[in-house]
Amino acid sequence: MENTKVIFTEDSIGEVQLFSDDKKAGKMDISVSDGKLRVYHTEVDPEYEGKGFAKLLLNQLISYVFQ
């Protein structure tokens, strides 16, 4: 089962993390400053490529922004 969460490691730097069966399968590097959200990098472990996991990361980010 897949789940995602948004984690901020510093004041404005964070990740959208994706887990599949409790194993980290992907992440999206983000930051928030001056009211702007920036996405720097999206990565999915090669083992999980082609399963739509990057879209799950994006959907979590969108949900976070509009909550």
Protein backbone atom coordinates (compact mmCIF):
# COMPACT_ATOMS: atom_id res chain seq x y z
CA MET A 1 0.00 0.00 0.00
CA GLU A 2 1.29 3.45 -0.90
CA ASN A 3 1.15 6.54 1.30
CA THR A 4 2.59 10.02 1.04
CA LYS A 5 3.43 12.81 3.43
CA VAL A 6 4.93 16.28 3.40
CA ILE A 7 7.89 16.77 5.74
CA PHE A 8 9.82 19.97 6.35
CA THR A 9 13.38 19.30 7.51
CA GLU A 10 14.31 22.95 7.97
CA ASP A 11 12.25 26.12 8.20
CA SER A 12 11.43 26.28 4.51
CA ILE A 13 13.02 23.17 2.96
CA GLY A 14 11.21 19.87 2.76
CA GLU A 15 10.11 16.81 0.87
CA VAL A 16 6.99 15.12 -0.29
CA GLN A 17 7.77 11.52 0.58
CA LEU A 18 6.21 8.40 -0.94
CA PHE A 19 6.29 5.02 0.78
CA SER A 20 5.26 1.65 -0.61
CA ASP A 21 4.83 -1.06 2.01
CA ASP A 22 6.84 1.06 4.48
CA LYS A 23 9.79 1.39 2.07
CA LYS A 24 10.66 4.88 0.77
CA ALA A 25 9.91 4.66 -2.95
CA GLY A 26 10.23 8.30 -4.02
CA LYS A 27 10.45 11.94 -3.06
CA MET A 28 9.95 15.46 -4.32
CA ASP A 29 12.31 18.16 -3.01
CA ILE A 30 10.44 21.39 -2.21
CA SER A 31 10.81 24.72 -0.45
CA VAL A 32 8.47 27.48 0.62
CA SER A 33 9.65 31.08 0.91
CA ASP A 34 8.10 34.48 0.35
CA GLY A 35 4.75 32.78 -0.16
CA LYS A 36 6.05 30.75 -3.09
CA LEU A 37 6.31 26.99 -3.33
CA ARG A 38 9.20 25.65 -5.38
CA VAL A 39 9.79 22.12 -6.62
CA TYR A 40 13.41 21.26 -7.34
CA HIS A 41 13.53 17.58 -8.05
CA THR A 42 11.28 14.54 -8.24
CA GLU A 43 12.67 11.06 -8.02
CA VAL A 44 11.21 7.56 -7.89
CA ASP A 45 13.31 4.50 -7.07
CA PRO A 46 13.92 2.52 -10.31
CA GLU A 47 12.19 -0.47 -8.73
CA TYR A 48 8.92 1.51 -8.78
CA GLU A 49 9.16 3.24 -12.17
CA GLY A 50 6.16 3.01 -14.46
CA LYS A 51 3.64 2.67 -11.61
CA GLY A 52 2.43 6.27 -11.53
CA PHE A 53 4.32 7.10 -8.34
CA ALA A 54 5.51 10.51 -9.57
CA LYS A 55 1.85 11.40 -10.07
CA LEU A 56 1.12 10.34 -6.48
CA LEU A 57 3.84 12.71 -5.30
CA LEU A 58 2.38 15.55 -7.36
CA ASN A 59 -1.14 14.84 -6.10
CA GLN A 60 0.07 14.97 -2.49
CA LEU A 61 1.79 18.28 -3.16
CA ILE A 62 -1.37 19.73 -4.68
CA SER A 63 -3.43 18.49 -1.70
CA TYR A 64 -0.94 20.10 0.68
CA VAL A 65 -1.10 23.43 -1.14
CA PHE A 66 -4.90 23.58 -1.16
CA GLN A 67 -5.62 22.34 2.37
